[in-house]
PDB file of all heavy atoms in Angstrom:
ATOM      1  N   LYS A   1     -61.174 -19.907  69.008  1.00  0.00           N
ATOM      2  CA  LYS A   1     -61.544 -19.838  67.585  1.00  0.00           C
ATOM      3  C   LYS A   1     -61.865 -18.396  67.234  1.00  0.00           C
ATOM      4  O   LYS A   1     -62.614 -17.761  67.915  1.00  0.00           O
ATOM      5  CB  LYS A   1     -62.637 -20.762  67.268  1.00  0.00           C
ATOM      6  CG  LYS A   1     -62.930 -20.982  65.846  1.00  0.00           C
ATOM      7  CD  LYS A   1     -63.918 -22.103  65.551  1.00  0.00           C
ATOM      8  CE  LYS A   1     -63.997 -22.364  64.093  1.00  0.00           C
ATOM      9  NZ  LYS A   1     -64.708 -23.558  63.815  1.00  0.00           N
ATOM     10  N   LEU A   2     -61.316 -17.939  66.084  1.00  0.00           N
ATOM     11  CA  LEU A   2     -61.611 -16.574  65.568  1.00  0.00           C
ATOM     12  C   LEU A   2     -62.949 -16.524  64.862  1.00  0.00           C
ATOM     13  O   LEU A   2     -63.326 -17.531  64.228  1.00  0.00           O
ATOM     14  CB  LEU A   2     -60.525 -16.137  64.665  1.00  0.00           C
ATOM     15  CG  LEU A   2     -59.106 -16.073  65.218  1.00  0.00           C
ATOM     16  CD1 LEU A   2     -58.050 -15.853  64.137  1.00  0.00           C
ATOM     17  CD2 LEU A   2     -59.005 -14.952  66.275  1.00  0.00           C
ATOM     18  N   SER A   3     -63.686 -15.413  64.941  1.00  0.00           N
ATOM     19  CA  SER A   3     -64.851 -15.193  64.150  1.00  0.00           C
ATOM     20  C   SER A   3     -64.402 -15.197  62.694  1.00  0.00           C
ATOM     21  O   SER A   3     -63.229 -14.952  62.368  1.00  0.00           O
ATOM     22  CB  SER A   3     -65.529 -13.951  64.538  1.00  0.00           C
ATOM     23  OG  SER A   3     -64.844 -12.812  64.068  1.00  0.00           O
ATOM     24  N   LYS A   4     -65.336 -15.283  61.782  1.00  0.00           N
ATOM     25  CA  LYS A   4     -64.970 -15.261  60.294  1.00  0.00           C
ATOM     26  C   LYS A   4     -64.298 -13.890  59.985  1.00  0.00           C
ATOM     27  O   LYS A   4     -63.276 -13.869  59.286  1.00  0.00           O
ATOM     28  CB  LYS A   4     -66.197 -15.454  59.462  1.00  0.00           C
ATOM     29  CG  LYS A   4     -66.020 -15.380  57.981  1.00  0.00           C
ATOM     30  CD  LYS A   4     -65.225 -16.555  57.426  1.00  0.00           C
ATOM     31  CE  LYS A   4     -65.247 -16.475  55.890  1.00  0.00           C
ATOM     32  NZ  LYS A   4     -64.502 -17.555  55.315  1.00  0.00           N
ATOM     33  N   LYS A   5     -64.860 -12.783  60.527  1.00  0.00           N
ATOM     34  CA  LYS A   5     -64.310 -11.488  60.267  1.00  0.00           C
ATOM     35  C   LYS A   5     -62.932 -11.331  60.798  1.00  0.00           C
ATOM     36  O   LYS A   5     -62.003 -10.813  60.194  1.00  0.00           O
ATOM     37  CB  LYS A   5     -65.200 -10.378  60.836  1.00  0.00           C
ATOM     38  CG  LYS A   5     -64.827  -8.981  60.569  1.00  0.00           C
ATOM     39  CD  LYS A   5     -65.842  -8.006  61.105  1.00  0.00           C
ATOM     40  CE  LYS A   5     -65.303  -6.582  60.833  1.00  0.00           C
ATOM     41  NZ  LYS A   5     -66.253  -5.549  61.301  1.00  0.00           N
ATOM     42  N   GLN A   6     -62.685 -11.845  62.078  1.00  0.00           N
ATOM     43  CA  GLN A   6     -61.401 -11.789  62.683  1.00  0.00           C
ATOM     44  C   GLN A   6     -60.372 -12.585  61.869  1.00  0.00           C
ATOM     45  O   GLN A   6     -59.247 -12.188  61.655  1.00  0.00           O
ATOM     46  CB  GLN A   6     -61.415 -12.326  64.099  1.00  0.00           C
ATOM     47  CG  GLN A   6     -62.153 -11.421  65.087  1.00  0.00           C
ATOM     48  CD  GLN A   6     -62.318 -12.140  66.418  1.00  0.00           C
ATOM     49  OE1 GLN A   6     -62.666 -13.289  66.508  1.00  0.00           O
ATOM     50  NE2 GLN A   6     -62.144 -11.350  67.488  1.00  0.00           N
ATOM     51  N   PHE A   7     -60.789 -13.789  61.436  1.00  0.00           N
ATOM     52  CA  PHE A   7     -59.965 -14.675  60.689  1.00  0.00           C
ATOM     53  C   PHE A   7     -59.501 -14.056  59.349  1.00  0.00           C
ATOM     54  O   PHE A   7     -58.350 -14.077  59.018  1.00  0.00           O
ATOM     55  CB  PHE A   7     -60.642 -16.083  60.474  1.00  0.00           C
ATOM     56  CG  PHE A   7     -59.756 -17.068  59.813  1.00  0.00           C
ATOM     57  CD1 PHE A   7     -58.740 -17.619  60.481  1.00  0.00           C
ATOM     58  CD2 PHE A   7     -60.016 -17.463  58.555  1.00  0.00           C
ATOM     59  CE1 PHE A   7     -57.844 -18.521  59.937  1.00  0.00           C
ATOM     60  CE2 PHE A   7     -59.181 -18.440  57.892  1.00  0.00           C
ATOM     61  CZ  PHE A   7     -58.124 -18.948  58.624  1.00  0.00           C
ATOM     62  N   VAL A   8     -60.416 -13.425  58.703  1.00  0.00           N
ATOM     63  CA  VAL A   8     -60.089 -12.749  57.419  1.00  0.00           C
ATOM     64  C   VAL A   8     -59.036 -11.689  57.676  1.00  0.00           C
ATOM     65  O   VAL A   8     -58.078 -11.541  56.961  1.00  0.00           O
ATOM     66  CB  VAL A   8     -61.352 -12.151  56.780  1.00  0.00           C
ATOM     67  CG1 VAL A   8     -61.042 -11.134  55.660  1.00  0.00           C
ATOM     68  CG2 VAL A   8     -62.258 -13.273  56.221  1.00  0.00           C
ATOM     69  N   THR A   9     -59.225 -10.883  58.721  1.00  0.00           N
ATOM     70  CA  THR A   9     -58.306  -9.722  59.027  1.00  0.00           C
ATOM     71  C   THR A   9     -56.923 -10.371  59.392  1.00  0.00           C
ATOM     72  O   THR A   9     -55.902  -9.848  58.899  1.00  0.00           O
ATOM     73  CB  THR A   9     -58.803  -8.986  60.222  1.00  0.00           C
ATOM     74  OG1 THR A   9     -60.131  -8.358  59.868  1.00  0.00           O
ATOM     75  CG2 THR A   9     -57.847  -7.928  60.706  1.00  0.00           C
ATOM     76  N   VAL A  10     -56.864 -11.437  60.134  1.00  0.00           N
ATOM     77  CA  VAL A  10     -55.588 -12.056  60.537  1.00  0.00           C
ATOM     78  C   VAL A  10     -54.841 -12.609  59.311  1.00  0.00           C
ATOM     79  O   VAL A  10     -53.693 -12.436  59.150  1.00  0.00           O
ATOM     80  CB  VAL A  10     -55.795 -13.079  61.611  1.00  0.00           C
ATOM     81  CG1 VAL A  10     -54.515 -13.907  61.798  1.00  0.00           C
ATOM     82  CG2 VAL A  10     -56.173 -12.399  62.946  1.00  0.00           C
ATOM     83  N   VAL A  11     -55.567 -13.358  58.438  1.00  0.00           N
ATOM     84  CA  VAL A  11     -54.920 -13.933  57.246  1.00  0.00           C
ATOM     85  C   VAL A  11     -54.364 -12.789  56.365  1.00  0.00           C
ATOM     86  O   VAL A  11     -53.207 -12.880  55.888  1.00  0.00           O
ATOM     87  CB  VAL A  11     -55.911 -14.782  56.461  1.00  0.00           C
ATOM     88  CG1 VAL A  11     -55.393 -15.131  55.053  1.00  0.00           C
ATOM     89  CG2 VAL A  11     -56.307 -16.029  57.165  1.00  0.00           C
ATOM     90  N   GLU A  12     -55.075 -11.699  56.227  1.00  0.00           N
ATOM     91  CA  GLU A  12     -54.573 -10.601  55.472  1.00  0.00           C
ATOM     92  C   GLU A  12     -53.419  -9.887  56.126  1.00  0.00           C
ATOM     93  O   GLU A  12     -52.447  -9.494  55.531  1.00  0.00           O
ATOM     94  CB  GLU A  12     -55.706  -9.625  55.089  1.00  0.00           C
ATOM     95  CG  GLU A  12     -56.698 -10.294  54.126  1.00  0.00           C
ATOM     96  CD  GLU A  12     -57.905  -9.468  53.841  1.00  0.00           C
ATOM     97  OE1 GLU A  12     -57.959  -8.307  54.241  1.00  0.00           O
ATOM     98  OE2 GLU A  12     -58.850  -9.957  53.160  1.00  0.00           O
ATOM     99  N   ASN A  13     -53.442  -9.766  57.516  1.00  0.00           N
ATOM    100  CA  ASN A  13     -52.314  -9.174  58.215  1.00  0.00           C
ATOM    101  C   ASN A  13     -51.079 -10.038  58.095  1.00  0.00           C
ATOM    102  O   ASN A  13     -49.956  -9.516  57.945  1.00  0.00           O
ATOM    103  CB  ASN A  13     -52.673  -8.978  59.652  1.00  0.00           C
ATOM    104  CG  ASN A  13     -53.649  -7.802  59.844  1.00  0.00           C
ATOM    105  OD1 ASN A  13     -53.825  -7.011  58.956  1.00  0.00           O
ATOM    106  ND2 ASN A  13     -54.211  -7.743  61.064  1.00  0.00           N
ATOM    107  N   ILE A  14     -51.247 -11.367  58.132  1.00  0.00           N
ATOM    108  CA  ILE A  14     -50.102 -12.270  57.920  1.00  0.00           C
ATOM    109  C   ILE A  14     -49.552 -12.070  56.568  1.00  0.00           C
ATOM    110  O   ILE A  14     -48.307 -11.908  56.387  1.00  0.00           O
ATOM    111  CB  ILE A  14     -50.488 -13.769  58.179  1.00  0.00           C
ATOM    112  CG1 ILE A  14     -50.862 -13.984  59.653  1.00  0.00           C
ATOM    113  CG2 ILE A  14     -49.421 -14.684  57.675  1.00  0.00           C
ATOM    114  CD1 ILE A  14     -51.504 -15.313  59.917  1.00  0.00           C
ATOM    115  N   HIS A  15     -50.383 -12.012  55.552  1.00  0.00           N
ATOM    116  CA  HIS A  15     -49.887 -11.745  54.137  1.00  0.00           C
ATOM    117  C   HIS A  15     -49.072 -10.494  54.101  1.00  0.00           C
ATOM    118  O   HIS A  15     -48.065 -10.509  53.437  1.00  0.00           O
ATOM    119  CB  HIS A  15     -51.107 -11.694  53.215  1.00  0.00           C
ATOM    120  CG  HIS A  15     -50.742 -11.223  51.880  1.00  0.00           C
ATOM    121  ND1 HIS A  15     -50.260 -12.019  50.882  1.00  0.00           N
ATOM    122  CD2 HIS A  15     -50.776  -9.949  51.333  1.00  0.00           C
ATOM    123  CE1 HIS A  15     -49.977 -11.296  49.776  1.00  0.00           C
ATOM    124  NE2 HIS A  15     -50.337 -10.063  50.074  1.00  0.00           N
ATOM    125  N   ASN A  16     -49.513  -9.455  54.720  1.00  0.00           N
ATOM    126  CA  ASN A  16     -48.864  -8.173  54.651  1.00  0.00           C
ATOM    127  C   ASN A  16     -47.582  -8.103  55.525  1.00  0.00           C
ATOM    128  O   ASN A  16     -46.764  -7.169  55.346  1.00  0.00           O
ATOM    129  CB  ASN A  16     -49.793  -7.063  55.012  1.00  0.00           C
ATOM    130  CG  ASN A  16     -50.919  -6.877  54.004  1.00  0.00           C
ATOM    131  OD1 ASN A  16     -50.651  -6.989  52.809  1.00  0.00           O
ATOM    132  ND2 ASN A  16     -52.112  -6.600  54.477  1.00  0.00           N
ATOM    133  N   THR A  17     -47.407  -9.045  56.453  1.00  0.00           N
ATOM    134  CA  THR A  17     -46.233  -8.970  57.373  1.00  0.00           C
ATOM    135  C   THR A  17     -45.191  -9.944  57.011  1.00  0.00           C
ATOM    136  O   THR A  17     -43.980  -9.600  57.191  1.00  0.00           O
ATOM    137  CB  THR A  17     -46.781  -9.274  58.814  1.00  0.00           C
ATOM    138  OG1 THR A  17     -47.825  -8.373  59.144  1.00  0.00           O
ATOM    139  CG2 THR A  17     -45.638  -9.193  59.828  1.00  0.00           C
ATOM    140  N   VAL A  18     -45.475 -11.141  56.547  1.00  0.00           N
ATOM    141  CA  VAL A  18     -44.387 -12.152  56.252  1.00  0.00           C
ATOM    142  C   VAL A  18     -43.590 -11.655  55.062  1.00  0.00           C
ATOM    143  O   VAL A  18     -44.078 -11.322  54.031  1.00  0.00           O
ATOM    144  CB  VAL A  18     -45.061 -13.490  55.938  1.00  0.00           C
ATOM    145  CG1 VAL A  18     -43.987 -14.438  55.388  1.00  0.00           C
ATOM    146  CG2 VAL A  18     -45.660 -14.103  57.197  1.00  0.00           C
ATOM    147  N   ASN A  19     -42.268 -11.716  55.278  1.00  0.00           N
ATOM    148  CA  ASN A  19     -41.269 -11.370  54.273  1.00  0.00           C
ATOM    149  C   ASN A  19     -40.742 -12.729  53.742  1.00  0.00           C
ATOM    150  O   ASN A  19     -39.902 -13.363  54.413  1.00  0.00           O
ATOM    151  CB  ASN A  19     -40.210 -10.503  54.841  1.00  0.00           C
ATOM    152  CG  ASN A  19     -39.279 -10.045  53.802  1.00  0.00           C
ATOM    153  OD1 ASN A  19     -39.449 -10.212  52.599  1.00  0.00           O
ATOM    154  ND2 ASN A  19     -38.113  -9.511  54.215  1.00  0.00           N
ATOM    155  N   TYR A  20     -41.138 -13.091  52.588  1.00  0.00           N
ATOM    156  CA  TYR A  20     -40.754 -14.385  52.042  1.00  0.00           C
ATOM    157  C   TYR A  20     -40.624 -14.216  50.540  1.00  0.00           C
ATOM    158  O   TYR A  20     -41.523 -13.780  49.805  1.00  0.00           O
ATOM    159  CB  TYR A  20     -41.767 -15.474  52.378  1.00  0.00           C
ATOM    160  CG  TYR A  20     -41.409 -16.831  51.740  1.00  0.00           C
ATOM    161  CD1 TYR A  20     -40.414 -17.603  52.427  1.00  0.00           C
ATOM    162  CD2 TYR A  20     -42.029 -17.346  50.667  1.00  0.00           C
ATOM    163  CE1 TYR A  20     -40.065 -18.871  51.854  1.00  0.00           C
ATOM    164  CE2 TYR A  20     -41.748 -18.560  50.144  1.00  0.00           C
ATOM    165  CZ  TYR A  20     -40.738 -19.372  50.742  1.00  0.00           C
ATOM    166  OH  TYR A  20     -40.383 -20.527  50.258  1.00  0.00           O
ATOM    167  N   SER A  21     -39.466 -14.590  49.963  1.00  0.00           N
ATOM    168  CA  SER A  21     -39.122 -14.338  48.612  1.00  0.00           C
ATOM    169  C   SER A  21     -39.777 -15.323  47.641  1.00  0.00           C
ATOM    170  O   SER A  21     -39.974 -16.506  47.954  1.00  0.00           O
ATOM    171  CB  SER A  21     -37.578 -14.471  48.483  1.00  0.00           C
ATOM    172  OG  SER A  21     -37.205 -14.493  47.087  1.00  0.00           O
ATOM    173  N   PHE A  22     -40.041 -14.859  46.412  1.00  0.00           N
ATOM    174  CA  PHE A  22     -40.595 -15.731  45.350  1.00  0.00           C
ATOM    175  C   PHE A  22     -39.558 -16.762  44.947  1.00  0.00           C
ATOM    176  O   PHE A  22     -39.884 -17.786  44.350  1.00  0.00           O
ATOM    177  CB  PHE A  22     -40.905 -14.907  44.103  1.00  0.00           C
ATOM    178  CG  PHE A  22     -42.156 -14.099  44.320  1.00  0.00           C
ATOM    179  CD1 PHE A  22     -42.123 -12.734  44.682  1.00  0.00           C
ATOM    180  CD2 PHE A  22     -43.374 -14.639  44.112  1.00  0.00           C
ATOM    181  CE1 PHE A  22     -43.257 -11.993  44.776  1.00  0.00           C
ATOM    182  CE2 PHE A  22     -44.576 -13.910  44.238  1.00  0.00           C
ATOM    183  CZ  PHE A  22     -44.475 -12.556  44.570  1.00  0.00           C
ATOM    184  N   ASP A  23     -38.274 -16.468  45.238  1.00  0.00           N
ATOM    185  CA  ASP A  23     -37.173 -17.413  44.785  1.00  0.00           C
ATOM    186  C   ASP A  23     -36.479 -18.095  45.959  1.00  0.00           C
ATOM    187  O   ASP A  23     -35.409 -18.585  45.758  1.00  0.00           O
ATOM    188  CB  ASP A  23     -36.204 -16.626  43.953  1.00  0.00           C
ATOM    189  CG  ASP A  23     -36.846 -16.103  42.659  1.00  0.00           C
ATOM    190  OD1 ASP A  23     -37.585 -16.905  42.044  1.00  0.00           O
ATOM    191  OD2 ASP A  23     -36.600 -14.932  42.312  1.00  0.00           O
ATOM    192  N   SER A  24     -37.051 -18.100  47.126  1.00  0.00           N
ATOM    193  CA  SER A  24     -36.401 -18.758  48.200  1.00  0.00           C
ATOM    194  C   SER A  24     -36.192 -20.255  47.936  1.00  0.00           C
ATOM    195  O   SER A  24     -37.028 -20.869  47.293  1.00  0.00           O
ATOM    196  CB  SER A  24     -37.289 -18.670  49.475  1.00  0.00           C
ATOM    197  OG  SER A  24     -36.690 -19.355  50.554  1.00  0.00           O
ATOM    198  N   LYS A  25     -35.126 -20.772  48.390  1.00  0.00           N
ATOM    199  CA  LYS A  25     -34.765 -22.210  48.162  1.00  0.00           C
ATOM    200  C   LYS A  25     -35.386 -23.037  49.225  1.00  0.00           C
ATOM    201  O   LYS A  25     -35.321 -24.294  49.203  1.00  0.00           O
ATOM    202  CB  LYS A  25     -33.282 -22.417  48.093  1.00  0.00           C
ATOM    203  CG  LYS A  25     -32.626 -21.635  47.051  1.00  0.00           C
ATOM    204  CD  LYS A  25     -33.001 -22.078  45.667  1.00  0.00           C
ATOM    205  CE  LYS A  25     -32.275 -21.267  44.607  1.00  0.00           C
ATOM    206  NZ  LYS A  25     -32.944 -21.033  43.402  1.00  0.00           N
ATOM    207  N   HIS A  26     -35.949 -22.504  50.319  1.00  0.00           N
ATOM    208  CA  HIS A  26     -36.518 -23.208  51.410  1.00  0.00           C
ATOM    209  C   HIS A  26     -37.975 -22.706  51.681  1.00  0.00           C
ATOM    210  O   HIS A  26     -38.257 -21.578  51.543  1.00  0.00           O
ATOM    211  CB  HIS A  26     -35.696 -22.936  52.746  1.00  0.00           C
ATOM    212  CG  HIS A  26     -34.348 -23.594  52.658  1.00  0.00           C
ATOM    213  ND1 HIS A  26     -33.281 -22.920  52.123  1.00  0.00           N
ATOM    214  CD2 HIS A  26     -33.889 -24.800  53.039  1.00  0.00           C
ATOM    215  CE1 HIS A  26     -32.227 -23.693  52.193  1.00  0.00           C
ATOM    216  NE2 HIS A  26     -32.564 -24.846  52.712  1.00  0.00           N
ATOM    217  N   CYS A  27     -38.768 -23.660  52.091  1.00  0.00           N
ATOM    218  CA  CYS A  27     -40.102 -23.307  52.574  1.00  0.00           C
ATOM    219  C   CYS A  27     -39.864 -23.006  54.066  1.00  0.00           C
ATOM    220  O   CYS A  27     -38.876 -23.460  54.672  1.00  0.00           O
ATOM    221  CB  CYS A  27     -41.118 -24.425  52.412  1.00  0.00           C
ATOM    222  SG  CYS A  27     -40.590 -26.013  52.964  1.00  0.00           S
ATOM    223  N   GLU A  28     -40.707 -22.183  54.645  1.00  0.00           N
ATOM    224  CA  GLU A  28     -40.531 -21.764  55.975  1.00  0.00           C
ATOM    225  C   GLU A  28     -41.812 -21.801  56.747  1.00  0.00           C
ATOM    226  O   GLU A  28     -42.920 -21.657  56.200  1.00  0.00           O
ATOM    227  CB  GLU A  28     -39.939 -20.287  56.025  1.00  0.00           C
ATOM    228  CG  GLU A  28     -38.595 -20.181  55.368  1.00  0.00           C
ATOM    229  CD  GLU A  28     -38.007 -18.816  55.388  1.00  0.00           C
ATOM    230  OE1 GLU A  28     -38.656 -17.861  55.782  1.00  0.00           O
ATOM    231  OE2 GLU A  28     -36.830 -18.699  54.966  1.00  0.00           O
ATOM    232  N   ALA A  29     -41.723 -22.063  58.106  1.00  0.00           N
ATOM    233  CA  ALA A  29     -42.895 -21.991  58.975  1.00  0.00           C
ATOM    234  C   ALA A  29     -42.674 -20.816  59.932  1.00  0.00           C
ATOM    235  O   ALA A  29     -41.552 -20.610  60.430  1.00  0.00           O
ATOM    236  CB  ALA A  29     -43.013 -23.220  59.783  1.00  0.00           C
ATOM    237  N   PHE A  30     -43.704 -20.022  60.180  1.00  0.00           N
ATOM    238  CA  PHE A  30     -43.660 -18.876  61.066  1.00  0.00           C
ATOM    239  C   PHE A  30     -44.694 -19.053  62.159  1.00  0.00           C
ATOM    240  O   PHE A  30     -45.879 -19.375  61.889  1.00  0.00           O
ATOM    241  CB  PHE A  30     -44.016 -17.638  60.279  1.00  0.00           C
ATOM    242  CG  PHE A  30     -43.031 -17.302  59.179  1.00  0.00           C
ATOM    243  CD1 PHE A  30     -43.254 -17.783  57.878  1.00  0.00           C
ATOM    244  CD2 PHE A  30     -41.861 -16.549  59.400  1.00  0.00           C
ATOM    245  CE1 PHE A  30     -42.356 -17.491  56.874  1.00  0.00           C
ATOM    246  CE2 PHE A  30     -40.978 -16.342  58.329  1.00  0.00           C
ATOM    247  CZ  PHE A  30     -41.256 -16.762  57.070  1.00  0.00           C
ATOM    248  N   GLY A  31     -44.238 -18.859  63.392  1.00  0.00           N
ATOM    249  CA  GLY A  31     -45.200 -18.746  64.502  1.00  0.00           C
ATOM    250  C   GLY A  31     -45.792 -17.407  64.472  1.00  0.00           C
ATOM    251  O   GLY A  31     -45.103 -16.401  64.207  1.00  0.00           O
ATOM    252  N   VAL A  32     -47.146 -17.321  64.685  1.00  0.00           N
ATOM    253  CA  VAL A  32     -47.881 -16.091  64.584  1.00  0.00           C
ATOM    254  C   VAL A  32     -48.491 -15.851  65.947  1.00  0.00           C
ATOM    255  O   VAL A  32     -49.305 -16.643  66.475  1.00  0.00           O
ATOM    256  CB  VAL A  32     -48.999 -16.173  63.535  1.00  0.00           C
ATOM    257  CG1 VAL A  32     -49.686 -14.833  63.450  1.00  0.00           C
ATOM    258  CG2 VAL A  32     -48.344 -16.491  62.173  1.00  0.00           C
ATOM    259  N   LEU A  33     -48.208 -14.665  66.599  1.00  0.00           N
ATOM    260  CA  LEU A  33     -48.923 -14.170  67.754  1.00  0.00           C
ATOM    261  C   LEU A  33     -49.820 -13.098  67.361  1.00  0.00           C
ATOM    262  O   LEU A  33     -49.488 -12.216  66.562  1.00  0.00           O
ATOM    263  CB  LEU A  33     -47.835 -13.696  68.785  1.00  0.00           C
ATOM    264  CG  LEU A  33     -46.863 -14.779  69.328  1.00  0.00           C
ATOM    265  CD1 LEU A  33     -45.743 -14.070  70.156  1.00  0.00           C
ATOM    266  CD2 LEU A  33     -47.619 -15.815  70.104  1.00  0.00           C
ATOM    267  N   ILE A  34     -51.005 -13.136  67.935  1.00  0.00           N
ATOM    268  CA  ILE A  34     -52.054 -12.180  67.554  1.00  0.00           C
ATOM    269  C   ILE A  34     -52.407 -11.329  68.795  1.00  0.00           C
ATOM    270  O   ILE A  34     -52.779 -11.927  69.800  1.00  0.00           O
ATOM    271  CB  ILE A  34     -53.308 -12.897  67.004  1.00  0.00           C
ATOM    272  CG1 ILE A  34     -52.960 -13.847  65.834  1.00  0.00           C
ATOM    273  CG2 ILE A  34     -54.396 -11.884  66.627  1.00  0.00           C
ATOM    274  CD1 ILE A  34     -54.016 -14.789  65.437  1.00  0.00           C
ATOM    275  N   ASP A  35     -52.362 -10.019  68.677  1.00  0.00           N
ATOM    276  CA  ASP A  35     -52.763  -9.185  69.775  1.00  0.00           C
ATOM    277  C   ASP A  35     -54.302  -8.885  69.757  1.00  0.00           C
ATOM    278  O   ASP A  35     -54.958  -9.352  68.866  1.00  0.00           O
ATOM    279  CB  ASP A  35     -51.890  -7.945  69.914  1.00  0.00           C
ATOM    280  CG  ASP A  35     -52.185  -6.859  68.846  1.00  0.00           C
ATOM    281  OD1 ASP A  35     -53.227  -6.971  68.139  1.00  0.00           O
ATOM    282  OD2 ASP A  35     -51.361  -5.949  68.666  1.00  0.00           O
ATOM    283  N   LYS A  36     -54.742  -8.169  70.727  1.00  0.00           N
ATOM    284  CA  LYS A  36     -56.165  -7.934  70.894  1.00  0.00           C
ATOM    285  C   LYS A  36     -56.758  -7.100  69.740  1.00  0.00           C
ATOM    286  O   LYS A  36     -57.938  -7.176  69.441  1.00  0.00           O
ATOM    287  CB  LYS A  36     -56.537  -7.243  72.225  1.00  0.00           C
ATOM    288  CG  LYS A  36     -55.876  -5.872  72.386  1.00  0.00           C
ATOM    289  CD  LYS A  36     -56.307  -5.263  73.745  1.00  0.00           C
ATOM    290  CE  LYS A  36     -55.645  -3.910  74.007  1.00  0.00           C
ATOM    291  NZ  LYS A  36     -55.785  -2.917  72.960  1.00  0.00           N
ATOM    292  N   ASP A  37     -55.881  -6.403  68.990  1.00  0.00           N
ATOM    293  CA  ASP A  37     -56.312  -5.601  67.844  1.00  0.00           C
ATOM    294  C   ASP A  37     -56.105  -6.373  66.553  1.00  0.00           C
ATOM    295  O   ASP A  37     -56.259  -5.781  65.465  1.00  0.00           O
ATOM    296  CB  ASP A  37     -55.567  -4.274  67.797  1.00  0.00           C
ATOM    297  CG  ASP A  37     -55.861  -3.397  69.014  1.00  0.00           C
ATOM    298  OD1 ASP A  37     -57.019  -3.354  69.444  1.00  0.00           O
ATOM    299  OD2 ASP A  37     -54.890  -2.767  69.562  1.00  0.00           O
ATOM    300  N   LEU A  38     -55.778  -7.633  66.644  1.00  0.00           N
ATOM    301  CA  LEU A  38     -55.591  -8.530  65.464  1.00  0.00           C
ATOM    302  C   LEU A  38     -54.267  -8.192  64.697  1.00  0.00           C
ATOM    303  O   LEU A  38     -54.147  -8.677  63.572  1.00  0.00           O
ATOM    304  CB  LEU A  38     -56.804  -8.620  64.567  1.00  0.00           C
ATOM    305  CG  LEU A  38     -58.097  -8.992  65.247  1.00  0.00           C
ATOM    306  CD1 LEU A  38     -59.230  -9.000  64.244  1.00  0.00           C
ATOM    307  CD2 LEU A  38     -57.972 -10.327  65.931  1.00  0.00           C
ATOM    308  N   ASN A  39     -53.402  -7.425  65.251  1.00  0.00           N
ATOM    309  CA  ASN A  39     -52.058  -7.262  64.696  1.00  0.00           C
ATOM    310  C   ASN A  39     -51.273  -8.519  64.926  1.00  0.00           C
ATOM    311  O   ASN A  39     -51.580  -9.299  65.870  1.00  0.00           O
ATOM    312  CB  ASN A  39     -51.343  -6.123  65.346  1.00  0.00           C
ATOM    313  CG  ASN A  39     -52.105  -4.779  65.146  1.00  0.00           C
ATOM    314  OD1 ASN A  39     -52.382  -4.425  64.046  1.00  0.00           O
ATOM    315  ND2 ASN A  39     -52.343  -4.092  66.224  1.00  0.00           N
ATOM    316  N   VAL A  40     -50.388  -8.881  64.070  1.00  0.00           N
ATOM    317  CA  VAL A  40     -49.565 -10.072  64.147  1.00  0.00           C
ATOM    318  C   VAL A  40     -48.136  -9.820  64.368  1.00  0.00           C
ATOM    319  O   VAL A  40     -47.568  -8.861  63.872  1.00  0.00           O
ATOM    320  CB  VAL A  40     -49.768 -11.004  62.892  1.00  0.00           C
ATOM    321  CG1 VAL A  40     -51.256 -11.430  62.756  1.00  0.00           C
ATOM    322  CG2 VAL A  40     -49.348 -10.292  61.581  1.00  0.00           C
TER     323      VAL A  40
END
């Protein structure tokens, strides 16, 4: 389990990394791997 601070960082890193269009015709699932520095 991530600490609250780690979790916030990861959620924001995911937001900044996922490339998903406002007009995509499909929803998508992405597997997320997290390194020791909380990069995704």
